[in-house]
Amino acid sequence: MRSKSLSESTLGRRRRLHVVPPAPPPPEPMRPDERRLRDAGGPDDRAVFTCGCGYLFEAPVTASVGCPRCGEQQAW
């Protein structure tokens, strides 16, 4: 009596081969202006404000910036 092969012993089903997915495509090269911005650490979200009291200050850009000297809200 002959011994059953591996494919015959699995109820007549054939084994499927493992398919290796293709490698992902390489990333697109960055544009020079985008590379320069990333190398500089990204955009600077700060601005210089002048208050009515005469105080000049730098603060984060938001919709409501108050003068650190007098507390007056600055218009944006």
C-alpha atoms as a PDB file:
ATOM      1  CA  MET A   1       0.000   0.000   0.000  1.00  0.00           C
ATOM      2  CA  ARG A   2       1.374   3.371  -0.874  1.00  0.00           C
ATOM      3  CA  SER A   3       1.491   6.216   1.610  1.00  0.00           C
ATOM      4  CA  LYS A   4      -0.613   9.267   0.981  1.00  0.00           C
ATOM      5  CA  SER A   5       1.107  12.412  -0.067  1.00  0.00           C
ATOM      6  CA  LEU A   6       0.607  15.620   1.871  1.00  0.00           C
ATOM      7  CA  SER A   7      -1.888  17.005  -0.629  1.00  0.00           C
ATOM      8  CA  GLU A   8      -3.929  13.791  -0.604  1.00  0.00           C
ATOM      9  CA  SER A   9      -4.041  13.665   3.175  1.00  0.00           C
ATOM     10  CA  THR A  10      -5.765  17.046   3.419  1.00  0.00           C
ATOM     11  CA  LEU A  11      -9.043  15.714   2.041  1.00  0.00           C
ATOM     12  CA  GLY A  12      -8.113  16.299  -1.559  1.00  0.00           C
ATOM     13  CA  ARG A  13      -7.552  20.030  -1.046  1.00  0.00           C
ATOM     14  CA  ARG A  14      -4.464  21.590  -2.442  1.00  0.00           C
ATOM     15  CA  ARG A  15      -2.254  23.729  -0.293  1.00  0.00           C
ATOM     16  CA  ARG A  16      -2.179  27.384  -1.148  1.00  0.00           C
ATOM     17  CA  LEU A  17       1.155  29.038  -1.488  1.00  0.00           C
ATOM     18  CA  HIS A  18       1.895  32.010   0.726  1.00  0.00           C
ATOM     19  CA  VAL A  19       1.709  35.169  -1.354  1.00  0.00           C
ATOM     20  CA  VAL A  20       4.106  37.916  -0.343  1.00  0.00           C
ATOM     21  CA  PRO A  21       2.560  41.374  -0.884  1.00  0.00           C
ATOM     22  CA  PRO A  22       4.543  43.755  -3.066  1.00  0.00           C
ATOM     23  CA  ALA A  23       6.760  46.294  -1.353  1.00  0.00           C
ATOM     24  CA  PRO A  24       5.171  49.736  -0.847  1.00  0.00           C
ATOM     25  CA  PRO A  25       6.247  52.381  -3.343  1.00  0.00           C
ATOM     26  CA  PRO A  26       9.008  54.745  -2.222  1.00  0.00           C
ATOM     27  CA  PRO A  27       7.803  58.062  -0.770  1.00  0.00           C
ATOM     28  CA  GLU A  28       7.515  60.977  -3.136  1.00  0.00           C
ATOM     29  CA  PRO A  29      10.395  63.438  -2.880  1.00  0.00           C
ATOM     30  CA  MET A  30       9.587  66.626  -0.955  1.00  0.00           C
ATOM     31  CA  ARG A  31       9.441  69.952  -2.672  1.00  0.00           C
ATOM     32  CA  PRO A  32      12.267  72.335  -1.694  1.00  0.00           C
ATOM     33  CA  ASP A  33       9.934  74.785   0.084  1.00  0.00           C
ATOM     34  CA  GLU A  34       8.323  71.950   2.091  1.00  0.00           C
ATOM     35  CA  ARG A  35      11.750  70.523   3.030  1.00  0.00           C
ATOM     36  CA  ARG A  36      12.956  73.973   4.144  1.00  0.00           C
ATOM     37  CA  LEU A  37       9.849  74.466   6.315  1.00  0.00           C
ATOM     38  CA  ARG A  38      10.241  71.032   7.947  1.00  0.00           C
ATOM     39  CA  ASP A  39      13.961  71.587   8.563  1.00  0.00           C
ATOM     40  CA  ALA A  40      13.156  74.924  10.231  1.00  0.00           C
ATOM     41  CA  GLY A  41      10.847  73.208  12.728  1.00  0.00           C
ATOM     42  CA  GLY A  42       7.504  74.068  11.146  1.00  0.00           C
ATOM     43  CA  PRO A  43       5.511  77.262  11.075  1.00  0.00           C
ATOM     44  CA  ASP A  44       5.901  79.842  13.832  1.00  0.00           C
ATOM     45  CA  ASP A  45       2.468  80.455  15.342  1.00  0.00           C
ATOM     46  CA  ARG A  46       3.505  83.597  17.207  1.00  0.00           C
ATOM     47  CA  ALA A  47       3.010  87.230  16.241  1.00  0.00           C
ATOM     48  CA  VAL A  48       4.045  90.681  17.440  1.00  0.00           C
ATOM     49  CA  PHE A  49       1.177  92.798  18.798  1.00  0.00           C
ATOM     50  CA  THR A  50       1.059  96.521  19.618  1.00  0.00           C
ATOM     51  CA  CYS A  51      -1.306  97.552  22.408  1.00  0.00           C
ATOM     52  CA  GLY A  52      -3.023 100.919  22.772  1.00  0.00           C
ATOM     53  CA  CYS A  53      -1.002 101.463  25.962  1.00  0.00           C
ATOM     54  CA  GLY A  54       2.146 101.478  23.827  1.00  0.00           C
ATOM     55  CA  TYR A  55       3.408  98.058  24.854  1.00  0.00           C
ATOM     56  CA  LEU A  56       4.863  95.889  22.073  1.00  0.00           C
ATOM     57  CA  PHE A  57       4.788  92.145  22.797  1.00  0.00           C
ATOM     58  CA  GLU A  58       5.030  88.745  21.161  1.00  0.00           C
ATOM     59  CA  ALA A  59       2.306  86.166  21.814  1.00  0.00           C
ATOM     60  CA  PRO A  60       0.821  83.002  20.301  1.00  0.00           C
ATOM     61  CA  VAL A  61      -1.609  83.626  17.458  1.00  0.00           C
ATOM     62  CA  THR A  62      -5.144  83.137  18.824  1.00  0.00           C
ATOM     63  CA  ALA A  63      -8.521  84.827  18.471  1.00  0.00           C
ATOM     64  CA  SER A  64      -8.167  86.529  21.869  1.00  0.00           C
ATOM     65  CA  VAL A  65      -4.792  87.948  22.823  1.00  0.00           C
ATOM     66  CA  GLY A  66      -4.497  90.064  25.943  1.00  0.00           C
ATOM     67  CA  CYS A  67      -1.796  92.623  26.585  1.00  0.00           C
ATOM     68  CA  PRO A  68       0.498  91.318  29.345  1.00  0.00           C
ATOM     69  CA  ARG A  69       0.998  94.890  30.635  1.00  0.00           C
ATOM     70  CA  CYS A  70      -2.575  96.257  30.878  1.00  0.00           C
ATOM     71  CA  GLY A  71      -4.763  93.219  30.069  1.00  0.00           C
ATOM     72  CA  GLU A  72      -6.581  94.900  27.157  1.00  0.00           C
ATOM     73  CA  GLN A  73      -7.813  92.426  24.520  1.00  0.00           C
ATOM     74  CA  GLN A  74      -6.181  92.912  21.130  1.00  0.00           C
ATOM     75  CA  ALA A  75      -8.150  92.910  17.882  1.00  0.00           C
ATOM     76  CA  TRP A  76      -7.023  90.397  15.360  1.00  0.00           C
END
